[in-house]
Amino acid sequence: MVDVTSAAPVTPAAVASTTGISTGKTTIDEGVISKVAGIATRSVPGVYAVGGGVSRAIGAIRDAMNQTDRSQGVTVEVGERQVAVDITIVAEYPASLQKVADDVRAAVYAAIEDIVGMDVAEVNVTINDVHIPGEDDAVADDTTKVARVQ
């Protein structure tokens, strides 16, 4: 939602010539900030998935219906000028967990400050699982074999 209030009529030329001068109020919804943080998190190498087990299961259902939730696994608290972010991720094995968490933090800080224009007070990263390549493939193969037998 964006609210713009102005005391005098504003033309596009006047706005262009007054870059940096606010002529109203901009309100950015928490969901938008969560989505920006989620997209930034997913772009970090070493992040396999975002969210805990339940949210990932619900996310898989949403993905199947082509309604991906980019804010899955991300919680934000928005103040007047600052944002605090909590993110839950699954890291890829054998990535350095501290490096992945630090990279997620850096990506989220940069995205929120650049795209949203707010200061970030903190980014808390919880790594709740480690994905081992091939492990899910074996489970999927067993499920496929069971389905074929039936």
N, C-alpha and C. Protein backbone atom coordinates (compact mmCIF):
# COMPACT_ATOMS: atom_id res chain seq x y z
N MET A 1 0.84 -1.15 0.00
CA MET A 1 0.00 0.00 0.00
C MET A 1 0.89 1.23 0.00
N VAL A 2 0.61 2.20 -0.84
CA VAL A 2 1.39 3.43 -0.90
C VAL A 2 0.46 4.60 -0.68
N ASP A 3 0.75 5.44 0.31
CA ASP A 3 -0.02 6.64 0.59
C ASP A 3 0.80 7.84 0.16
N VAL A 4 0.23 8.71 -0.68
CA VAL A 4 0.94 9.91 -1.09
C VAL A 4 0.06 11.11 -0.77
N THR A 5 0.59 12.04 0.01
CA THR A 5 -0.13 13.24 0.38
C THR A 5 0.73 14.44 0.02
N SER A 6 0.13 15.47 -0.59
CA SER A 6 0.89 16.64 -0.99
C SER A 6 0.08 17.89 -0.73
N ALA A 7 0.75 18.95 -0.29
CA ALA A 7 0.07 20.21 -0.01
C ALA A 7 -0.20 20.98 -1.29
N ALA A 8 0.62 20.84 -2.31
CA ALA A 8 0.46 21.56 -3.57
C ALA A 8 0.42 20.55 -4.71
N PRO A 9 -0.18 20.95 -5.84
CA PRO A 9 -0.18 20.04 -6.99
C PRO A 9 1.24 19.70 -7.41
N VAL A 10 1.46 18.44 -7.74
CA VAL A 10 2.79 17.99 -8.11
C VAL A 10 2.72 17.46 -9.55
N THR A 11 3.56 18.01 -10.40
CA THR A 11 3.64 17.54 -11.78
C THR A 11 4.80 16.58 -11.89
N PRO A 12 4.81 15.71 -12.91
CA PRO A 12 5.95 14.79 -13.07
C PRO A 12 7.28 15.53 -13.16
N ALA A 13 7.30 16.69 -13.83
CA ALA A 13 8.55 17.45 -13.94
C ALA A 13 9.00 17.95 -12.58
N ALA A 14 8.04 18.37 -11.74
CA ALA A 14 8.39 18.85 -10.41
C ALA A 14 8.96 17.73 -9.56
N VAL A 15 8.38 16.54 -9.68
CA VAL A 15 8.89 15.40 -8.91
C VAL A 15 10.29 15.04 -9.39
N ALA A 16 10.51 15.04 -10.69
CA ALA A 16 11.82 14.71 -11.24
C ALA A 16 12.88 15.71 -10.80
N SER A 17 12.50 16.96 -10.68
CA SER A 17 13.49 17.97 -10.30
C SER A 17 13.74 18.02 -8.81
N THR A 18 12.92 17.35 -8.02
CA THR A 18 13.09 17.37 -6.56
C THR A 18 13.47 16.01 -6.03
N THR A 19 14.30 15.30 -6.77
CA THR A 19 14.72 13.98 -6.35
C THR A 19 15.28 14.04 -4.95
N GLY A 20 14.83 13.12 -4.10
CA GLY A 20 15.30 13.08 -2.73
C GLY A 20 14.40 13.84 -1.76
N ILE A 21 13.46 14.61 -2.27
CA ILE A 21 12.54 15.34 -1.40
C ILE A 21 11.23 14.58 -1.37
N SER A 22 10.78 14.24 -0.17
CA SER A 22 9.57 13.46 -0.01
C SER A 22 8.34 14.35 -0.15
N THR A 23 7.38 13.91 -0.95
CA THR A 23 6.14 14.64 -1.10
C THR A 23 4.97 13.88 -0.51
N GLY A 24 5.27 12.85 0.24
CA GLY A 24 4.21 12.06 0.83
C GLY A 24 4.77 10.93 1.65
N LYS A 25 3.93 9.98 1.97
CA LYS A 25 4.31 8.86 2.82
C LYS A 25 4.21 7.56 2.02
N THR A 26 5.21 6.72 2.14
CA THR A 26 5.19 5.41 1.50
C THR A 26 5.10 4.36 2.59
N THR A 27 4.14 3.46 2.46
CA THR A 27 3.98 2.37 3.40
C THR A 27 4.24 1.07 2.66
N ILE A 28 5.19 0.28 3.17
CA ILE A 28 5.51 -1.00 2.55
C ILE A 28 5.03 -2.10 3.47
N ASP A 29 4.20 -2.98 2.96
CA ASP A 29 3.61 -4.06 3.73
C ASP A 29 4.68 -5.07 4.17
N GLU A 30 4.48 -5.67 5.33
CA GLU A 30 5.43 -6.67 5.85
C GLU A 30 5.62 -7.84 4.89
N GLY A 31 4.56 -8.21 4.20
CA GLY A 31 4.64 -9.32 3.25
C GLY A 31 5.61 -9.03 2.11
N VAL A 32 5.69 -7.78 1.70
CA VAL A 32 6.62 -7.40 0.64
C VAL A 32 8.06 -7.54 1.13
N ILE A 33 8.30 -7.10 2.35
CA ILE A 33 9.65 -7.19 2.93
C ILE A 33 10.03 -8.66 3.12
N SER A 34 9.09 -9.48 3.56
CA SER A 34 9.34 -10.92 3.71
C SER A 34 9.70 -11.55 2.37
N LYS A 35 8.99 -11.16 1.33
CA LYS A 35 9.24 -11.71 0.00
C LYS A 35 10.63 -11.31 -0.50
N VAL A 36 11.01 -10.06 -0.30
CA VAL A 36 12.35 -9.59 -0.71
C VAL A 36 13.42 -10.38 0.03
N ALA A 37 13.24 -10.57 1.34
CA ALA A 37 14.21 -11.33 2.13
C ALA A 37 14.26 -12.79 1.68
N GLY A 38 13.11 -13.37 1.36
CA GLY A 38 13.06 -14.76 0.89
C GLY A 38 13.76 -14.95 -0.44
N ILE A 39 13.55 -14.03 -1.36
CA ILE A 39 14.21 -14.11 -2.66
C ILE A 39 15.72 -13.98 -2.50
N ALA A 40 16.15 -13.03 -1.66
CA ALA A 40 17.59 -12.84 -1.42
C ALA A 40 18.20 -14.09 -0.79
N THR A 41 17.48 -14.72 0.13
CA THR A 41 17.98 -15.93 0.80
C THR A 41 18.15 -17.06 -0.20
N ARG A 42 17.19 -17.25 -1.07
CA ARG A 42 17.24 -18.35 -2.04
C ARG A 42 18.38 -18.17 -3.05
N SER A 43 18.86 -16.95 -3.21
CA SER A 43 19.93 -16.69 -4.18
C SER A 43 21.32 -17.04 -3.65
N VAL A 44 21.42 -17.38 -2.37
CA VAL A 44 22.71 -17.64 -1.74
C VAL A 44 23.15 -19.08 -2.00
N PRO A 45 24.38 -19.27 -2.52
CA PRO A 45 24.89 -20.63 -2.70
C PRO A 45 24.99 -21.34 -1.34
N GLY A 46 24.59 -22.60 -1.31
CA GLY A 46 24.63 -23.36 -0.07
C GLY A 46 23.28 -23.44 0.62
N VAL A 47 22.30 -22.65 0.15
CA VAL A 47 20.94 -22.72 0.70
C VAL A 47 20.17 -23.70 -0.17
N TYR A 48 19.75 -24.81 0.44
CA TYR A 48 18.97 -25.81 -0.29
C TYR A 48 17.49 -25.44 -0.31
N ALA A 49 16.97 -25.01 0.85
CA ALA A 49 15.56 -24.66 0.96
C ALA A 49 15.39 -23.64 2.07
N VAL A 50 14.25 -22.95 2.04
CA VAL A 50 13.93 -21.96 3.07
C VAL A 50 12.68 -22.43 3.79
N GLY A 51 12.73 -22.42 5.12
CA GLY A 51 11.59 -22.81 5.93
C GLY A 51 11.83 -24.11 6.67
N GLY A 52 10.99 -24.37 7.66
CA GLY A 52 11.05 -25.61 8.42
C GLY A 52 10.31 -26.70 7.69
N GLY A 53 10.25 -27.87 8.29
CA GLY A 53 9.63 -29.03 7.65
C GLY A 53 8.19 -28.81 7.25
N VAL A 54 7.38 -28.26 8.15
CA VAL A 54 5.96 -28.06 7.86
C VAL A 54 5.78 -27.01 6.77
N SER A 55 6.50 -25.89 6.88
CA SER A 55 6.33 -24.84 5.88
C SER A 55 6.84 -25.29 4.51
N ARG A 56 7.88 -26.15 4.49
CA ARG A 56 8.37 -26.67 3.21
C ARG A 56 7.36 -27.62 2.60
N ALA A 57 6.68 -28.42 3.44
CA ALA A 57 5.65 -29.34 2.93
C ALA A 57 4.49 -28.55 2.33
N ILE A 58 4.07 -27.52 3.02
CA ILE A 58 3.00 -26.67 2.49
C ILE A 58 3.48 -25.96 1.23
N GLY A 59 4.76 -25.53 1.24
CA GLY A 59 5.34 -24.89 0.06
C GLY A 59 5.37 -25.81 -1.14
N ALA A 60 5.63 -27.09 -0.92
CA ALA A 60 5.64 -28.06 -2.03
C ALA A 60 4.25 -28.18 -2.65
N ILE A 61 3.24 -28.15 -1.81
CA ILE A 61 1.86 -28.21 -2.31
C ILE A 61 1.55 -26.94 -3.11
N ARG A 62 1.97 -25.79 -2.57
CA ARG A 62 1.73 -24.52 -3.28
C ARG A 62 2.49 -24.49 -4.60
N ASP A 63 3.73 -25.03 -4.61
CA ASP A 63 4.51 -25.08 -5.85
C ASP A 63 3.79 -25.93 -6.89
N ALA A 64 3.21 -27.05 -6.46
CA ALA A 64 2.49 -27.93 -7.37
C ALA A 64 1.29 -27.22 -7.99
N MET A 65 0.71 -26.29 -7.25
CA MET A 65 -0.43 -25.52 -7.75
C MET A 65 0.03 -24.24 -8.43
N ASN A 66 1.36 -24.09 -8.64
CA ASN A 66 1.95 -22.93 -9.28
C ASN A 66 1.67 -21.63 -8.52
N GLN A 67 1.70 -21.71 -7.19
CA GLN A 67 1.50 -20.54 -6.32
C GLN A 67 2.62 -20.48 -5.29
N THR A 68 3.85 -20.37 -5.75
CA THR A 68 5.02 -20.37 -4.88
C THR A 68 4.97 -19.21 -3.90
N ASP A 69 5.26 -19.51 -2.63
CA ASP A 69 5.30 -18.49 -1.58
C ASP A 69 6.76 -18.12 -1.34
N ARG A 70 7.18 -16.98 -1.84
CA ARG A 70 8.57 -16.55 -1.73
C ARG A 70 8.94 -16.10 -0.32
N SER A 71 7.96 -15.88 0.54
CA SER A 71 8.24 -15.44 1.91
C SER A 71 8.24 -16.61 2.89
N GLN A 72 8.10 -17.82 2.39
CA GLN A 72 8.11 -19.02 3.23
C GLN A 72 9.39 -19.08 4.05
N GLY A 73 9.27 -19.32 5.35
CA GLY A 73 10.43 -19.46 6.22
C GLY A 73 11.02 -18.14 6.68
N VAL A 74 10.36 -17.03 6.35
CA VAL A 74 10.87 -15.71 6.71
C VAL A 74 9.83 -14.99 7.56
N THR A 75 10.29 -14.44 8.69
CA THR A 75 9.44 -13.64 9.55
C THR A 75 10.10 -12.27 9.71
N VAL A 76 9.32 -11.21 9.57
CA VAL A 76 9.88 -9.87 9.74
C VAL A 76 9.11 -9.10 10.80
N GLU A 77 9.82 -8.24 11.49
CA GLU A 77 9.21 -7.27 12.39
C GLU A 77 9.62 -5.90 11.88
N VAL A 78 8.62 -5.09 11.54
CA VAL A 78 8.89 -3.80 10.93
C VAL A 78 8.58 -2.69 11.92
N GLY A 79 9.57 -1.83 12.12
CA GLY A 79 9.38 -0.64 12.95
C GLY A 79 9.23 0.57 12.06
N GLU A 80 9.38 1.75 12.63
CA GLU A 80 9.27 2.99 11.86
C GLU A 80 10.33 3.07 10.76
N ARG A 81 11.59 2.74 11.13
CA ARG A 81 12.68 2.88 10.17
C ARG A 81 13.57 1.64 10.08
N GLN A 82 13.30 0.64 10.89
CA GLN A 82 14.15 -0.54 10.91
C GLN A 82 13.34 -1.82 10.76
N VAL A 83 14.04 -2.84 10.32
CA VAL A 83 13.43 -4.15 10.12
C VAL A 83 14.30 -5.20 10.82
N ALA A 84 13.66 -6.14 11.50
CA ALA A 84 14.35 -7.31 12.05
C ALA A 84 13.81 -8.53 11.31
N VAL A 85 14.72 -9.42 10.92
CA VAL A 85 14.33 -10.56 10.09
C VAL A 85 14.79 -11.86 10.74
N ASP A 86 13.91 -12.86 10.76
CA ASP A 86 14.24 -14.22 11.20
C ASP A 86 14.02 -15.14 10.01
N ILE A 87 15.05 -15.95 9.71
CA ILE A 87 15.00 -16.84 8.55
C ILE A 87 15.38 -18.25 8.98
N THR A 88 14.63 -19.23 8.51
CA THR A 88 14.94 -20.63 8.75
C THR A 88 15.31 -21.26 7.42
N ILE A 89 16.47 -21.93 7.38
CA ILE A 89 16.93 -22.52 6.13
C ILE A 89 17.37 -23.97 6.31
N VAL A 90 17.49 -24.65 5.17
CA VAL A 90 18.14 -25.96 5.09
C VAL A 90 19.38 -25.72 4.24
N ALA A 91 20.54 -26.08 4.79
CA ALA A 91 21.81 -25.87 4.08
C ALA A 91 22.18 -27.12 3.30
N GLU A 92 22.98 -26.93 2.26
CA GLU A 92 23.47 -28.06 1.48
C GLU A 92 24.75 -28.60 2.11
N TYR A 93 24.88 -29.91 2.15
CA TYR A 93 26.09 -30.55 2.64
C TYR A 93 27.09 -30.57 1.50
N PRO A 94 28.32 -30.27 1.66
CA PRO A 94 29.14 -30.00 2.83
C PRO A 94 29.46 -28.51 3.01
N ALA A 95 28.58 -27.63 2.64
CA ALA A 95 28.84 -26.19 2.75
C ALA A 95 29.11 -25.81 4.21
N SER A 96 29.99 -24.84 4.40
CA SER A 96 30.26 -24.31 5.73
C SER A 96 29.01 -23.61 6.24
N LEU A 97 28.45 -24.11 7.33
CA LEU A 97 27.20 -23.56 7.84
C LEU A 97 27.34 -22.10 8.26
N GLN A 98 28.47 -21.76 8.89
CA GLN A 98 28.68 -20.36 9.28
C GLN A 98 28.76 -19.45 8.06
N LYS A 99 29.44 -19.92 7.01
CA LYS A 99 29.57 -19.11 5.80
C LYS A 99 28.21 -18.93 5.13
N VAL A 100 27.43 -19.99 5.06
CA VAL A 100 26.10 -19.89 4.46
C VAL A 100 25.25 -18.89 5.25
N ALA A 101 25.26 -18.99 6.58
CA ALA A 101 24.49 -18.07 7.41
C ALA A 101 24.97 -16.63 7.22
N ASP A 102 26.28 -16.43 7.18
CA ASP A 102 26.83 -15.08 6.97
C ASP A 102 26.44 -14.54 5.60
N ASP A 103 26.49 -15.41 4.57
CA ASP A 103 26.12 -14.98 3.22
C ASP A 103 24.63 -14.65 3.12
N VAL A 104 23.80 -15.43 3.82
CA VAL A 104 22.36 -15.13 3.86
C VAL A 104 22.15 -13.77 4.51
N ARG A 105 22.80 -13.56 5.64
CA ARG A 105 22.70 -12.28 6.35
C ARG A 105 23.07 -11.11 5.42
N ALA A 106 24.21 -11.24 4.74
CA ALA A 106 24.68 -10.17 3.86
C ALA A 106 23.70 -9.92 2.71
N ALA A 107 23.18 -10.99 2.12
CA ALA A 107 22.24 -10.85 1.00
C ALA A 107 20.95 -10.18 1.44
N VAL A 108 20.45 -10.56 2.62
CA VAL A 108 19.20 -9.99 3.12
C VAL A 108 19.40 -8.53 3.50
N TYR A 109 20.51 -8.23 4.18
CA TYR A 109 20.81 -6.82 4.50
C TYR A 109 20.81 -5.98 3.23
N ALA A 110 21.56 -6.42 2.22
CA ALA A 110 21.69 -5.65 0.98
C ALA A 110 20.35 -5.50 0.27
N ALA A 111 19.58 -6.57 0.18
CA ALA A 111 18.30 -6.52 -0.53
C ALA A 111 17.32 -5.58 0.15
N ILE A 112 17.20 -5.68 1.46
CA ILE A 112 16.23 -4.84 2.16
C ILE A 112 16.66 -3.38 2.13
N GLU A 113 17.95 -3.12 2.32
CA GLU A 113 18.41 -1.73 2.29
C GLU A 113 18.31 -1.14 0.89
N ASP A 114 18.66 -1.92 -0.15
CA ASP A 114 18.63 -1.40 -1.52
C ASP A 114 17.22 -1.33 -2.10
N ILE A 115 16.46 -2.40 -1.95
CA ILE A 115 15.15 -2.49 -2.60
C ILE A 115 14.06 -1.81 -1.77
N VAL A 116 14.04 -2.09 -0.47
CA VAL A 116 12.98 -1.56 0.38
C VAL A 116 13.33 -0.16 0.89
N GLY A 117 14.63 0.08 1.11
CA GLY A 117 15.06 1.40 1.57
C GLY A 117 14.96 1.58 3.07
N MET A 118 14.97 0.48 3.81
CA MET A 118 14.91 0.56 5.27
C MET A 118 16.20 0.00 5.86
N ASP A 119 16.52 0.44 7.07
CA ASP A 119 17.68 -0.09 7.78
C ASP A 119 17.32 -1.45 8.37
N VAL A 120 18.30 -2.33 8.42
CA VAL A 120 18.09 -3.65 8.99
C VAL A 120 18.75 -3.70 10.35
N ALA A 121 17.95 -3.95 11.37
CA ALA A 121 18.47 -4.03 12.74
C ALA A 121 19.22 -5.33 12.95
N GLU A 122 18.64 -6.44 12.49
CA GLU A 122 19.29 -7.74 12.64
C GLU A 122 18.67 -8.74 11.69
N VAL A 123 19.48 -9.74 11.35
CA VAL A 123 19.00 -10.88 10.56
C VAL A 123 19.44 -12.12 11.31
N ASN A 124 18.47 -12.85 11.86
CA ASN A 124 18.74 -14.09 12.60
C ASN A 124 18.50 -15.26 11.66
N VAL A 125 19.51 -16.12 11.53
CA VAL A 125 19.42 -17.27 10.64
C VAL A 125 19.43 -18.55 11.48
N THR A 126 18.42 -19.38 11.27
CA THR A 126 18.34 -20.69 11.92
C THR A 126 18.52 -21.75 10.85
N ILE A 127 19.51 -22.60 11.03
CA ILE A 127 19.71 -23.72 10.11
C ILE A 127 19.12 -24.94 10.80
N ASN A 128 17.99 -25.42 10.27
CA ASN A 128 17.30 -26.51 10.96
C ASN A 128 17.54 -27.88 10.34
N ASP A 129 18.30 -27.93 9.23
CA ASP A 129 18.58 -29.22 8.61
C ASP A 129 19.71 -29.05 7.61
N VAL A 130 20.30 -30.17 7.23
CA VAL A 130 21.33 -30.20 6.20
C VAL A 130 20.88 -31.20 5.14
N HIS A 131 20.86 -30.75 3.90
CA HIS A 131 20.47 -31.62 2.79
C HIS A 131 21.71 -32.33 2.26
N ILE A 132 21.63 -33.65 2.18
CA ILE A 132 22.72 -34.45 1.63
C ILE A 132 22.32 -34.83 0.21
N PRO A 133 23.12 -34.40 -0.79
CA PRO A 133 22.77 -34.72 -2.18
C PRO A 133 22.61 -36.23 -2.37
N GLY A 134 21.60 -36.60 -3.13
CA GLY A 134 21.35 -38.00 -3.40
C GLY A 134 20.41 -38.65 -2.40
N GLU A 135 20.31 -38.08 -1.20
CA GLU A 135 19.45 -38.66 -0.17
C GLU A 135 17.99 -38.58 -0.57
N ASP A 136 17.55 -37.41 -1.04
CA ASP A 136 16.16 -37.26 -1.47
C ASP A 136 15.90 -38.05 -2.74
N ASP A 137 16.93 -38.17 -3.60
CA ASP A 137 16.77 -38.95 -4.83
C ASP A 137 16.49 -40.41 -4.51
N ALA A 138 17.18 -40.95 -3.49
CA ALA A 138 16.97 -42.35 -3.10
C ALA A 138 15.56 -42.55 -2.56
N VAL A 139 15.08 -41.59 -1.77
CA VAL A 139 13.73 -41.67 -1.23
C VAL A 139 12.72 -41.59 -2.36
N ALA A 140 12.95 -40.70 -3.31
CA ALA A 140 12.04 -40.56 -4.45
C ALA A 140 12.04 -41.84 -5.28
N ASP A 141 13.23 -42.45 -5.48
CA ASP A 141 13.29 -43.70 -6.23
C ASP A 141 12.53 -44.82 -5.53
N ASP A 142 12.66 -44.91 -4.20
CA ASP A 142 11.93 -45.94 -3.44
C ASP A 142 10.43 -45.70 -3.56
N THR A 143 10.00 -44.46 -3.50
CA THR A 143 8.59 -44.14 -3.62
C THR A 143 8.09 -44.50 -5.01
N THR A 144 8.91 -44.21 -6.02
CA THR A 144 8.53 -44.55 -7.39
C THR A 144 8.42 -46.05 -7.56
N LYS A 145 9.36 -46.81 -6.98
CA LYS A 145 9.34 -48.28 -7.07
C LYS A 145 8.09 -48.83 -6.41
N VAL A 146 7.75 -48.29 -5.25
CA VAL A 146 6.55 -48.75 -4.55
C VAL A 146 5.32 -48.45 -5.39
N ALA A 147 5.28 -47.27 -5.99
CA ALA A 147 4.14 -46.90 -6.81
C ALA A 147 4.01 -47.80 -8.02
N ARG A 148 5.14 -48.22 -8.61
CA ARG A 148 5.10 -49.08 -9.79
C ARG A 148 4.62 -50.48 -9.43
N VAL A 149 5.00 -50.99 -8.26
CA VAL A 149 4.62 -52.33 -7.83
C VAL A 149 3.13 -52.41 -7.61
N GLN A 150 2.54 -51.36 -7.07
CA GLN A 150 1.11 -51.37 -6.77
C GLN A 150 0.36 -51.27 -8.01
